[in-house]
PDB file of all heavy atoms in Angstrom:
ATOM      1  N   PRO A   1      80.554  62.793 112.452  1.00  0.00           N
ATOM      2  CA  PRO A   1      79.208  62.819 111.869  1.00  0.00           C
ATOM      3  C   PRO A   1      78.128  63.318 112.841  1.00  0.00           C
ATOM      4  O   PRO A   1      78.117  62.928 114.029  1.00  0.00           O
ATOM      5  CB  PRO A   1      78.991  61.355 111.511  1.00  0.00           C
ATOM      6  CG  PRO A   1      80.390  60.751 111.385  1.00  0.00           C
ATOM      7  CD  PRO A   1      81.193  61.534 112.382  1.00  0.00           C
ATOM      8  N   GLY A   2      77.347  64.280 112.476  1.00  0.00           N
ATOM      9  CA  GLY A   2      76.268  64.836 113.268  1.00  0.00           C
ATOM     10  C   GLY A   2      76.779  65.889 114.224  1.00  0.00           C
ATOM     11  O   GLY A   2      75.967  66.506 114.895  1.00  0.00           O
ATOM     12  N   GLU A   3      78.060  66.095 114.313  1.00  0.00           N
ATOM     13  CA  GLU A   3      78.546  67.064 115.253  1.00  0.00           C
ATOM     14  C   GLU A   3      78.469  68.471 114.684  1.00  0.00           C
ATOM     15  O   GLU A   3      78.608  68.728 113.519  1.00  0.00           O
ATOM     16  CB  GLU A   3      80.031  66.768 115.582  1.00  0.00           C
ATOM     17  CG  GLU A   3      80.642  67.666 116.580  1.00  0.00           C
ATOM     18  CD  GLU A   3      82.175  67.391 116.818  1.00  0.00           C
ATOM     19  OE1 GLU A   3      82.745  66.588 116.128  1.00  0.00           O
ATOM     20  OE2 GLU A   3      82.748  68.024 117.755  1.00  0.00           O
ATOM     21  N   THR A   4      78.206  69.427 115.632  1.00  0.00           N
ATOM     22  CA  THR A   4      78.159  70.857 115.257  1.00  0.00           C
ATOM     23  C   THR A   4      79.311  71.591 115.966  1.00  0.00           C
ATOM     24  O   THR A   4      79.489  71.445 117.155  1.00  0.00           O
ATOM     25  CB  THR A   4      76.809  71.479 115.567  1.00  0.00           C
ATOM     26  OG1 THR A   4      75.741  70.841 114.858  1.00  0.00           O
ATOM     27  CG2 THR A   4      76.805  73.003 115.366  1.00  0.00           C
ATOM     28  N   GLY A   5      80.065  72.371 115.302  1.00  0.00           N
ATOM     29  CA  GLY A   5      81.119  73.175 115.830  1.00  0.00           C
ATOM     30  C   GLY A   5      80.891  74.712 115.688  1.00  0.00           C
ATOM     31  O   GLY A   5      80.036  75.063 114.868  1.00  0.00           O
ATOM     32  N   HIS A   6      81.478  75.452 116.506  1.00  0.00           N
ATOM     33  CA  HIS A   6      81.306  76.932 116.542  1.00  0.00           C
ATOM     34  C   HIS A   6      82.612  77.575 116.090  1.00  0.00           C
ATOM     35  O   HIS A   6      83.628  77.244 116.594  1.00  0.00           O
ATOM     36  CB  HIS A   6      80.943  77.393 117.907  1.00  0.00           C
ATOM     37  CG  HIS A   6      80.451  78.769 117.984  1.00  0.00           C
ATOM     38  ND1 HIS A   6      79.268  79.208 117.483  1.00  0.00           N
ATOM     39  CD2 HIS A   6      81.068  79.869 118.560  1.00  0.00           C
ATOM     40  CE1 HIS A   6      79.168  80.523 117.712  1.00  0.00           C
ATOM     41  NE2 HIS A   6      80.243  80.996 118.378  1.00  0.00           N
ATOM     42  N   ILE A   7      82.581  78.496 115.123  1.00  0.00           N
ATOM     43  CA  ILE A   7      83.782  79.156 114.670  1.00  0.00           C
ATOM     44  C   ILE A   7      83.545  80.666 114.674  1.00  0.00           C
ATOM     45  O   ILE A   7      82.415  81.167 114.665  1.00  0.00           O
ATOM     46  CB  ILE A   7      84.300  78.688 113.351  1.00  0.00           C
ATOM     47  CG1 ILE A   7      83.187  78.913 112.231  1.00  0.00           C
ATOM     48  CG2 ILE A   7      84.683  77.237 113.314  1.00  0.00           C
ATOM     49  CD1 ILE A   7      83.623  78.544 110.829  1.00  0.00           C
ATOM     50  N   SER A   8      84.642  81.433 114.674  1.00  0.00           N
ATOM     51  CA  SER A   8      84.442  82.862 114.714  1.00  0.00           C
ATOM     52  C   SER A   8      85.547  83.495 113.804  1.00  0.00           C
ATOM     53  O   SER A   8      86.586  82.909 113.569  1.00  0.00           O
ATOM     54  CB  SER A   8      84.663  83.474 116.148  1.00  0.00           C
ATOM     55  OG  SER A   8      85.931  83.252 116.667  1.00  0.00           O
ATOM     56  N   PHE A   9      85.256  84.644 113.284  1.00  0.00           N
ATOM     57  CA  PHE A   9      86.145  85.439 112.474  1.00  0.00           C
ATOM     58  C   PHE A   9      86.318  86.841 112.982  1.00  0.00           C
ATOM     59  O   PHE A   9      85.257  87.310 113.587  1.00  0.00           O
ATOM     60  CB  PHE A   9      85.593  85.608 111.035  1.00  0.00           C
ATOM     61  CG  PHE A   9      85.245  84.295 110.326  1.00  0.00           C
ATOM     62  CD1 PHE A   9      83.980  83.731 110.508  1.00  0.00           C
ATOM     63  CD2 PHE A   9      86.199  83.667 109.556  1.00  0.00           C
ATOM     64  CE1 PHE A   9      83.659  82.533 109.834  1.00  0.00           C
ATOM     65  CE2 PHE A   9      85.890  82.438 108.904  1.00  0.00           C
ATOM     66  CZ  PHE A   9      84.635  81.924 108.997  1.00  0.00           C
ATOM     67  N   SER A  10      87.430  87.422 112.971  1.00  0.00           N
ATOM     68  CA  SER A  10      87.556  88.818 113.415  1.00  0.00           C
ATOM     69  C   SER A  10      87.792  89.789 112.123  1.00  0.00           C
ATOM     70  O   SER A  10      88.698  89.420 111.370  1.00  0.00           O
ATOM     71  CB  SER A  10      88.841  88.933 114.317  1.00  0.00           C
ATOM     72  OG  SER A  10      88.645  88.194 115.504  1.00  0.00           O
ATOM     73  N   LEU A  11      86.995  90.743 112.083  1.00  0.00           N
ATOM     74  CA  LEU A  11      87.047  91.721 111.029  1.00  0.00           C
ATOM     75  C   LEU A  11      87.522  93.068 111.554  1.00  0.00           C
ATOM     76  O   LEU A  11      87.070  93.464 112.661  1.00  0.00           O
ATOM     77  CB  LEU A  11      85.715  91.868 110.289  1.00  0.00           C
ATOM     78  CG  LEU A  11      85.154  90.532 109.581  1.00  0.00           C
ATOM     79  CD1 LEU A  11      83.887  90.860 108.969  1.00  0.00           C
ATOM     80  CD2 LEU A  11      86.115  89.999 108.602  1.00  0.00           C
ATOM     81  N   ASP A  12      88.283  93.770 110.815  1.00  0.00           N
ATOM     82  CA  ASP A  12      88.706  95.113 111.188  1.00  0.00           C
ATOM     83  C   ASP A  12      88.461  96.085 110.017  1.00  0.00           C
ATOM     84  O   ASP A  12      87.936  95.631 109.075  1.00  0.00           O
ATOM     85  CB  ASP A  12      90.186  95.114 111.650  1.00  0.00           C
ATOM     86  CG  ASP A  12      91.073  94.759 110.489  1.00  0.00           C
ATOM     87  OD1 ASP A  12      90.708  94.779 109.349  1.00  0.00           O
ATOM     88  OD2 ASP A  12      92.236  94.252 110.810  1.00  0.00           O
ATOM     89  N   PRO A  13      88.674  97.414 110.211  1.00  0.00           N
ATOM     90  CA  PRO A  13      88.444  98.320 109.175  1.00  0.00           C
ATOM     91  C   PRO A  13      89.003  97.907 107.816  1.00  0.00           C
ATOM     92  O   PRO A  13      88.297  98.199 106.713  1.00  0.00           O
ATOM     93  CB  PRO A  13      88.943  99.616 109.707  1.00  0.00           C
ATOM     94  CG  PRO A  13      88.837  99.539 111.159  1.00  0.00           C
ATOM     95  CD  PRO A  13      89.154  98.104 111.452  1.00  0.00           C
ATOM     96  N   ARG A  14      90.118  97.349 107.762  1.00  0.00           N
ATOM     97  CA  ARG A  14      90.692  96.937 106.434  1.00  0.00           C
ATOM     98  C   ARG A  14      89.813  95.891 105.727  1.00  0.00           C
ATOM     99  O   ARG A  14      89.837  95.767 104.531  1.00  0.00           O
ATOM    100  CB  ARG A  14      92.142  96.351 106.684  1.00  0.00           C
ATOM    101  CG  ARG A  14      93.202  97.331 106.775  1.00  0.00           C
ATOM    102  CD  ARG A  14      93.567  97.993 105.462  1.00  0.00           C
ATOM    103  NE  ARG A  14      93.978  97.076 104.485  1.00  0.00           N
ATOM    104  CZ  ARG A  14      95.243  96.653 104.325  1.00  0.00           C
ATOM    105  NH1 ARG A  14      96.170  97.002 105.200  1.00  0.00           N
ATOM    106  NH2 ARG A  14      95.559  95.761 103.423  1.00  0.00           N
ATOM    107  N   SER A  15      89.078  95.142 106.524  1.00  0.00           N
ATOM    108  CA  SER A  15      88.175  94.104 105.929  1.00  0.00           C
ATOM    109  C   SER A  15      87.098  94.692 105.016  1.00  0.00           C
ATOM    110  O   SER A  15      86.537  93.997 104.202  1.00  0.00           O
ATOM    111  CB  SER A  15      87.578  93.227 107.044  1.00  0.00           C
ATOM    112  OG  SER A  15      88.441  92.669 107.880  1.00  0.00           O
ATOM    113  N   PHE A  16      86.852  96.014 105.267  1.00  0.00           N
ATOM    114  CA  PHE A  16      85.788  96.668 104.470  1.00  0.00           C
ATOM    115  C   PHE A  16      86.334  97.733 103.494  1.00  0.00           C
ATOM    116  O   PHE A  16      85.597  98.413 102.862  1.00  0.00           O
ATOM    117  CB  PHE A  16      84.820  97.401 105.483  1.00  0.00           C
ATOM    118  CG  PHE A  16      84.227  96.502 106.552  1.00  0.00           C
ATOM    119  CD1 PHE A  16      84.788  96.306 107.765  1.00  0.00           C
ATOM    120  CD2 PHE A  16      83.077  95.747 106.214  1.00  0.00           C
ATOM    121  CE1 PHE A  16      84.264  95.411 108.692  1.00  0.00           C
ATOM    122  CE2 PHE A  16      82.482  94.871 107.149  1.00  0.00           C
ATOM    123  CZ  PHE A  16      83.053  94.707 108.377  1.00  0.00           C
ATOM    124  N   SER A  17      87.665  97.826 103.455  1.00  0.00           N
ATOM    125  CA  SER A  17      88.259  98.951 102.756  1.00  0.00           C
ATOM    126  C   SER A  17      88.704  98.665 101.365  1.00  0.00           C
ATOM    127  O   SER A  17      88.916  97.476 100.906  1.00  0.00           O
ATOM    128  CB  SER A  17      89.505  99.388 103.557  1.00  0.00           C
ATOM    129  OG  SER A  17      89.207  99.790 104.826  1.00  0.00           O
ATOM    130  N   TYR A  18      88.860  99.706 100.648  1.00  0.00           N
ATOM    131  CA  TYR A  18      89.483  99.707  99.339  1.00  0.00           C
ATOM    132  C   TYR A  18      90.598 100.718  99.397  1.00  0.00           C
ATOM    133  O   TYR A  18      90.659 101.585 100.267  1.00  0.00           O
ATOM    134  CB  TYR A  18      88.510 100.118  98.186  1.00  0.00           C
ATOM    135  CG  TYR A  18      87.863 101.487  98.313  1.00  0.00           C
ATOM    136  CD1 TYR A  18      88.506 102.599  97.774  1.00  0.00           C
ATOM    137  CD2 TYR A  18      86.678 101.670  99.025  1.00  0.00           C
ATOM    138  CE1 TYR A  18      87.942 103.870  97.935  1.00  0.00           C
ATOM    139  CE2 TYR A  18      86.128 102.884  99.158  1.00  0.00           C
ATOM    140  CZ  TYR A  18      86.731 103.976  98.631  1.00  0.00           C
ATOM    141  OH  TYR A  18      86.215 105.262  98.793  1.00  0.00           O
ATOM    142  N   PHE A  19      91.554 100.647  98.467  1.00  0.00           N
ATOM    143  CA  PHE A  19      92.716 101.596  98.456  1.00  0.00           C
ATOM    144  C   PHE A  19      92.280 102.885  97.747  1.00  0.00           C
ATOM    145  O   PHE A  19      91.888 102.888  96.590  1.00  0.00           O
ATOM    146  CB  PHE A  19      93.938 101.051  97.777  1.00  0.00           C
ATOM    147  CG  PHE A  19      95.109 101.943  97.967  1.00  0.00           C
ATOM    148  CD1 PHE A  19      95.765 102.075  99.221  1.00  0.00           C
ATOM    149  CD2 PHE A  19      95.594 102.670  96.878  1.00  0.00           C
ATOM    150  CE1 PHE A  19      96.887 102.860  99.326  1.00  0.00           C
ATOM    151  CE2 PHE A  19      96.717 103.506  96.992  1.00  0.00           C
ATOM    152  CZ  PHE A  19      97.296 103.656  98.244  1.00  0.00           C
ATOM    153  N   ASP A  20      92.343 104.025  98.522  1.00  0.00           N
ATOM    154  CA  ASP A  20      91.880 105.306  97.934  1.00  0.00           C
ATOM    155  C   ASP A  20      93.206 105.925  97.380  1.00  0.00           C
ATOM    156  O   ASP A  20      94.100 106.390  98.155  1.00  0.00           O
ATOM    157  CB  ASP A  20      91.285 106.129  99.039  1.00  0.00           C
ATOM    158  CG  ASP A  20      90.849 107.496  98.492  1.00  0.00           C
ATOM    159  OD1 ASP A  20      90.534 107.618  97.332  1.00  0.00           O
ATOM    160  OD2 ASP A  20      90.808 108.439  99.292  1.00  0.00           O
ATOM    161  N   VAL A  21      93.282 106.017  96.083  1.00  0.00           N
ATOM    162  CA  VAL A  21      94.459 106.613  95.415  1.00  0.00           C
ATOM    163  C   VAL A  21      94.745 108.047  95.779  1.00  0.00           C
ATOM    164  O   VAL A  21      95.827 108.450  96.017  1.00  0.00           O
ATOM    165  CB  VAL A  21      94.372 106.404  93.893  1.00  0.00           C
ATOM    166  CG1 VAL A  21      95.573 107.062  93.233  1.00  0.00           C
ATOM    167  CG2 VAL A  21      94.182 104.966  93.509  1.00  0.00           C
ATOM    168  N   LYS A  22      93.654 108.843  95.862  1.00  0.00           N
ATOM    169  CA  LYS A  22      93.758 110.264  96.147  1.00  0.00           C
ATOM    170  C   LYS A  22      94.435 110.492  97.488  1.00  0.00           C
ATOM    171  O   LYS A  22      95.280 111.431  97.611  1.00  0.00           O
ATOM    172  CB  LYS A  22      92.415 110.963  96.147  1.00  0.00           C
ATOM    173  CG  LYS A  22      91.755 111.014  94.760  1.00  0.00           C
ATOM    174  CD  LYS A  22      90.389 111.767  94.804  1.00  0.00           C
ATOM    175  CE  LYS A  22      89.826 111.795  93.424  1.00  0.00           C
ATOM    176  NZ  LYS A  22      88.483 112.513  93.439  1.00  0.00           N
ATOM    177  N   SER A  23      94.077 109.730  98.539  1.00  0.00           N
ATOM    178  CA  SER A  23      94.597 109.961  99.843  1.00  0.00           C
ATOM    179  C   SER A  23      95.734 109.019 100.222  1.00  0.00           C
ATOM    180  O   SER A  23      96.328 109.085 101.277  1.00  0.00           O
ATOM    181  CB  SER A  23      93.510 109.830 100.910  1.00  0.00           C
ATOM    182  OG  SER A  23      92.987 108.529 100.952  1.00  0.00           O
ATOM    183  N   SER A  24      96.042 108.124  99.280  1.00  0.00           N
ATOM    184  CA  SER A  24      97.045 107.061  99.537  1.00  0.00           C
ATOM    185  C   SER A  24      96.832 106.271 100.846  1.00  0.00           C
ATOM    186  O   SER A  24      97.755 106.087 101.664  1.00  0.00           O
ATOM    187  CB  SER A  24      98.449 107.624  99.479  1.00  0.00           C
ATOM    188  OG  SER A  24      98.766 108.095  98.296  1.00  0.00           O
ATOM    189  N   SER A  25      95.585 105.920 101.063  1.00  0.00           N
ATOM    190  CA  SER A  25      95.198 105.233 102.286  1.00  0.00           C
ATOM    191  C   SER A  25      94.087 104.226 102.069  1.00  0.00           C
ATOM    192  O   SER A  25      93.446 104.228 100.941  1.00  0.00           O
ATOM    193  CB  SER A  25      94.732 106.197 103.439  1.00  0.00           C
ATOM    194  OG  SER A  25      93.584 106.856 102.933  1.00  0.00           O
ATOM    195  N   TRP A  26      93.748 103.385 103.015  1.00  0.00           N
ATOM    196  CA  TRP A  26      92.747 102.446 102.973  1.00  0.00           C
ATOM    197  C   TRP A  26      91.438 103.142 103.503  1.00  0.00           C
ATOM    198  O   TRP A  26      91.383 103.725 104.567  1.00  0.00           O
ATOM    199  CB  TRP A  26      92.975 101.236 103.831  1.00  0.00           C
ATOM    200  CG  TRP A  26      94.093 100.400 103.221  1.00  0.00           C
ATOM    201  CD1 TRP A  26      95.445 100.379 103.658  1.00  0.00           C
ATOM    202  CD2 TRP A  26      94.133  99.552 102.100  1.00  0.00           C
ATOM    203  NE1 TRP A  26      96.120  99.565 102.866  1.00  0.00           N
ATOM    204  CE2 TRP A  26      95.418  98.973 101.886  1.00  0.00           C
ATOM    205  CE3 TRP A  26      93.067  99.119 101.237  1.00  0.00           C
ATOM    206  CZ2 TRP A  26      95.692  98.109 100.910  1.00  0.00           C
ATOM    207  CZ3 TRP A  26      93.342  98.214 100.193  1.00  0.00           C
ATOM    208  CH2 TRP A  26      94.643  97.709 100.085  1.00  0.00           C
ATOM    209  N   ARG A  27      90.327 103.046 102.672  1.00  0.00           N
ATOM    210  CA  ARG A  27      89.084 103.746 103.091  1.00  0.00           C
ATOM    211  C   ARG A  27      87.938 102.746 103.050  1.00  0.00           C
ATOM    212  O   ARG A  27      87.772 102.043 102.131  1.00  0.00           O
ATOM    213  CB  ARG A  27      88.824 104.861 102.083  1.00  0.00           C
ATOM    214  CG  ARG A  27      87.549 105.609 102.367  1.00  0.00           C
ATOM    215  CD  ARG A  27      87.405 106.760 101.367  1.00  0.00           C
ATOM    216  NE  ARG A  27      86.082 107.353 101.556  1.00  0.00           N
ATOM    217  CZ  ARG A  27      85.808 108.397 102.483  1.00  0.00           C
ATOM    218  NH1 ARG A  27      86.720 108.810 103.309  1.00  0.00           N
ATOM    219  NH2 ARG A  27      84.586 108.815 102.583  1.00  0.00           N
ATOM    220  N   ALA A  28      87.169 102.784 104.162  1.00  0.00           N
ATOM    221  CA  ALA A  28      85.902 102.054 104.251  1.00  0.00           C
ATOM    222  C   ALA A  28      84.806 103.059 104.279  1.00  0.00           C
ATOM    223  O   ALA A  28      84.736 103.820 105.232  1.00  0.00           O
ATOM    224  CB  ALA A  28      85.929 101.098 105.403  1.00  0.00           C
ATOM    225  N   ASP A  29      83.993 103.077 103.287  1.00  0.00           N
ATOM    226  CA  ASP A  29      82.891 103.983 103.235  1.00  0.00           C
ATOM    227  C   ASP A  29      81.733 103.605 104.181  1.00  0.00           C
ATOM    228  O   ASP A  29      81.482 102.454 104.427  1.00  0.00           O
ATOM    229  CB  ASP A  29      82.267 104.162 101.833  1.00  0.00           C
ATOM    230  CG  ASP A  29      83.275 104.852 100.917  1.00  0.00           C
ATOM    231  OD1 ASP A  29      84.103 105.628 101.323  1.00  0.00           O
ATOM    232  OD2 ASP A  29      83.243 104.567  99.637  1.00  0.00           O
ATOM    233  N   ALA A  30      81.068 104.607 104.766  1.00  0.00           N
ATOM    234  CA  ALA A  30      79.842 104.294 105.559  1.00  0.00           C
ATOM    235  C   ALA A  30      78.832 103.661 104.751  1.00  0.00           C
ATOM    236  O   ALA A  30      78.753 103.865 103.567  1.00  0.00           O
ATOM    237  CB  ALA A  30      79.335 105.580 106.179  1.00  0.00           C
ATOM    238  N   GLY A  31      78.030 102.795 105.338  1.00  0.00           N
ATOM    239  CA  GLY A  31      76.959 102.082 104.582  1.00  0.00           C
ATOM    240  C   GLY A  31      76.807 100.621 104.937  1.00  0.00           C
ATOM    241  O   GLY A  31      77.387 100.135 105.955  1.00  0.00           O
ATOM    242  N   ALA A  32      76.087  99.915 104.154  1.00  0.00           N
ATOM    243  CA  ALA A  32      75.751  98.519 104.402  1.00  0.00           C
ATOM    244  C   ALA A  32      76.727  97.640 103.648  1.00  0.00           C
ATOM    245  O   ALA A  32      77.145  97.929 102.548  1.00  0.00           O
ATOM    246  CB  ALA A  32      74.366  98.207 103.934  1.00  0.00           C
ATOM    247  N   TYR A  33      77.085  96.607 104.403  1.00  0.00           N
ATOM    248  CA  TYR A  33      78.025  95.563 103.822  1.00  0.00           C
ATOM    249  C   TYR A  33      77.379  94.119 104.018  1.00  0.00           C
ATOM    250  O   TYR A  33      76.896  93.898 105.150  1.00  0.00           O
ATOM    251  CB  TYR A  33      79.377  95.628 104.497  1.00  0.00           C
ATOM    252  CG  TYR A  33      80.182  96.820 104.121  1.00  0.00           C
ATOM    253  CD1 TYR A  33      79.866  98.073 104.791  1.00  0.00           C
ATOM    254  CD2 TYR A  33      81.183  96.790 103.226  1.00  0.00           C
ATOM    255  CE1 TYR A  33      80.602  99.189 104.406  1.00  0.00           C
ATOM    256  CE2 TYR A  33      81.928  97.937 102.851  1.00  0.00           C
ATOM    257  CZ  TYR A  33      81.631  99.106 103.520  1.00  0.00           C
ATOM    258  OH  TYR A  33      82.346 100.205 103.164  1.00  0.00           O
ATOM    259  N   ASP A  34      77.411  93.348 103.026  1.00  0.00           N
ATOM    260  CA  ASP A  34      76.916  91.933 103.136  1.00  0.00           C
ATOM    261  C   ASP A  34      78.034  91.013 103.519  1.00  0.00           C
ATOM    262  O   ASP A  34      79.144  91.063 102.929  1.00  0.00           O
ATOM    263  CB  ASP A  34      76.400  91.482 101.715  1.00  0.00           C
ATOM    264  CG  ASP A  34      75.142  92.345 101.315  1.00  0.00           C
ATOM    265  OD1 ASP A  34      74.395  92.722 102.268  1.00  0.00           O
ATOM    266  OD2 ASP A  34      74.926  92.523 100.152  1.00  0.00           O
ATOM    267  N   LEU A  35      77.827  90.149 104.528  1.00  0.00           N
ATOM    268  CA  LEU A  35      78.727  89.096 104.988  1.00  0.00           C
ATOM    269  C   LEU A  35      78.101  87.840 104.466  1.00  0.00           C
ATOM    270  O   LEU A  35      77.011  87.471 104.866  1.00  0.00           O
ATOM    271  CB  LEU A  35      78.908  89.135 106.443  1.00  0.00           C
ATOM    272  CG  LEU A  35      79.287  90.431 107.144  1.00  0.00           C
ATOM    273  CD1 LEU A  35      79.473  90.227 108.682  1.00  0.00           C
ATOM    274  CD2 LEU A  35      80.504  91.057 106.489  1.00  0.00           C
ATOM    275  N   THR A  36      78.903  87.128 103.671  1.00  0.00           N
ATOM    276  CA  THR A  36      78.453  85.879 103.032  1.00  0.00           C
ATOM    277  C   THR A  36      79.286  84.693 103.481  1.00  0.00           C
ATOM    278  O   THR A  36      80.502  84.779 103.499  1.00  0.00           O
ATOM    279  CB  THR A  36      78.446  85.960 101.511  1.00  0.00           C
ATOM    280  OG1 THR A  36      77.657  87.117 101.065  1.00  0.00           O
ATOM    281  CG2 THR A  36      77.753  84.762 100.911  1.00  0.00           C
ATOM    282  N   LEU A  37      78.651  83.618 103.943  1.00  0.00           N
ATOM    283  CA  LEU A  37      79.418  82.436 104.453  1.00  0.00           C
ATOM    284  C   LEU A  37      79.143  81.238 103.621  1.00  0.00           C
ATOM    285  O   LEU A  37      77.940  80.942 103.290  1.00  0.00           O
ATOM    286  CB  LEU A  37      79.057  82.195 105.912  1.00  0.00           C
ATOM    287  CG  LEU A  37      79.686  81.091 106.608  1.00  0.00           C
ATOM    288  CD1 LEU A  37      81.199  81.368 106.944  1.00  0.00           C
ATOM    289  CD2 LEU A  37      79.001  80.638 107.890  1.00  0.00           C
ATOM    290  N   GLY A  38      80.124  80.472 103.254  1.00  0.00           N
ATOM    291  CA  GLY A  38      79.906  79.219 102.575  1.00  0.00           C
ATOM    292  C   GLY A  38      81.247  78.449 102.530  1.00  0.00           C
ATOM    293  O   GLY A  38      82.170  78.762 103.225  1.00  0.00           O
ATOM    294  N   ASP A  39      81.328  77.421 101.692  1.00  0.00           N
ATOM    295  CA  ASP A  39      82.657  76.699 101.503  1.00  0.00           C
ATOM    296  C   ASP A  39      83.187  76.897 100.101  1.00  0.00           C
ATOM    297  O   ASP A  39      84.036  76.070  99.684  1.00  0.00           O
ATOM    298  CB  ASP A  39      82.501  75.301 101.920  1.00  0.00           C
ATOM    299  CG  ASP A  39      81.494  74.498 101.098  1.00  0.00           C
ATOM    300  OD1 ASP A  39      80.999  75.022 100.113  1.00  0.00           O
ATOM    301  OD2 ASP A  39      81.203  73.334 101.530  1.00  0.00           O
ATOM    302  N   SER A  40      82.797  77.987  99.342  1.00  0.00           N
ATOM    303  CA  SER A  40      83.496  78.322  98.164  1.00  0.00           C
ATOM    304  C   SER A  40      82.989  79.724  97.808  1.00  0.00           C
ATOM    305  O   SER A  40      82.102  80.258  98.493  1.00  0.00           O
ATOM    306  CB  SER A  40      83.131  77.333  96.939  1.00  0.00           C
ATOM    307  OG  SER A  40      81.902  77.667  96.450  1.00  0.00           O
ATOM    308  N   SER A  41      83.582  80.373  96.829  1.00  0.00           N
ATOM    309  CA  SER A  41      83.162  81.699  96.440  1.00  0.00           C
ATOM    310  C   SER A  41      81.751  81.790  95.912  1.00  0.00           C
ATOM    311  O   SER A  41      81.083  82.792  95.883  1.00  0.00           O
ATOM    312  CB  SER A  41      84.143  82.313  95.407  1.00  0.00           C
ATOM    313  OG  SER A  41      84.185  81.533  94.259  1.00  0.00           O
ATOM    314  N   GLN A  42      81.207  80.630  95.466  1.00  0.00           N
ATOM    315  CA  GLN A  42      79.801  80.587  94.940  1.00  0.00           C
ATOM    316  C   GLN A  42      78.821  79.889  95.844  1.00  0.00           C
ATOM    317  O   GLN A  42      77.584  79.882  95.519  1.00  0.00           O
ATOM    318  CB  GLN A  42      79.822  79.948  93.526  1.00  0.00           C
ATOM    319  CG  GLN A  42      80.527  80.838  92.485  1.00  0.00           C
ATOM    320  CD  GLN A  42      80.211  80.366  91.122  1.00  0.00           C
ATOM    321  OE1 GLN A  42      79.926  79.212  90.841  1.00  0.00           O
ATOM    322  NE2 GLN A  42      80.280  81.350  90.163  1.00  0.00           N
ATOM    323  N   ASP A  43      79.301  79.327  96.943  1.00  0.00           N
ATOM    324  CA  ASP A  43      78.395  78.628  97.824  1.00  0.00           C
ATOM    325  C   ASP A  43      77.990  79.570  98.946  1.00  0.00           C
ATOM    326  O   ASP A  43      78.644  79.755  99.949  1.00  0.00           O
ATOM    327  CB  ASP A  43      79.081  77.385  98.452  1.00  0.00           C
ATOM    328  CG  ASP A  43      78.226  76.732  99.439  1.00  0.00           C
ATOM    329  OD1 ASP A  43      76.993  76.532  99.209  1.00  0.00           O
ATOM    330  OD2 ASP A  43      78.710  76.293 100.556  1.00  0.00           O
ATOM    331  N   ASN A  44      76.858  80.286  98.755  1.00  0.00           N
ATOM    332  CA  ASN A  44      76.357  81.318  99.722  1.00  0.00           C
ATOM    333  C   ASN A  44      75.325  80.714 100.571  1.00  0.00           C
ATOM    334  O   ASN A  44      74.089  80.867 100.353  1.00  0.00           O
ATOM    335  CB  ASN A  44      75.813  82.471  98.939  1.00  0.00           C
ATOM    336  CG  ASN A  44      76.829  83.038  97.943  1.00  0.00           C
ATOM    337  OD1 ASN A  44      78.020  83.088  98.206  1.00  0.00           O
ATOM    338  ND2 ASN A  44      76.362  83.472  96.815  1.00  0.00           N
TER     339      ASN A  44
END
């Protein structure tokens, strides 16, 4: 109770990528990406 902890995540190019069917590879487009943190998919 009352304690604060520090955590970290490691992201790589695949973390931003989608599968590009034309090149049969994973592609991350240049641009802005939002990183959202919470304890569920709707808790932002």
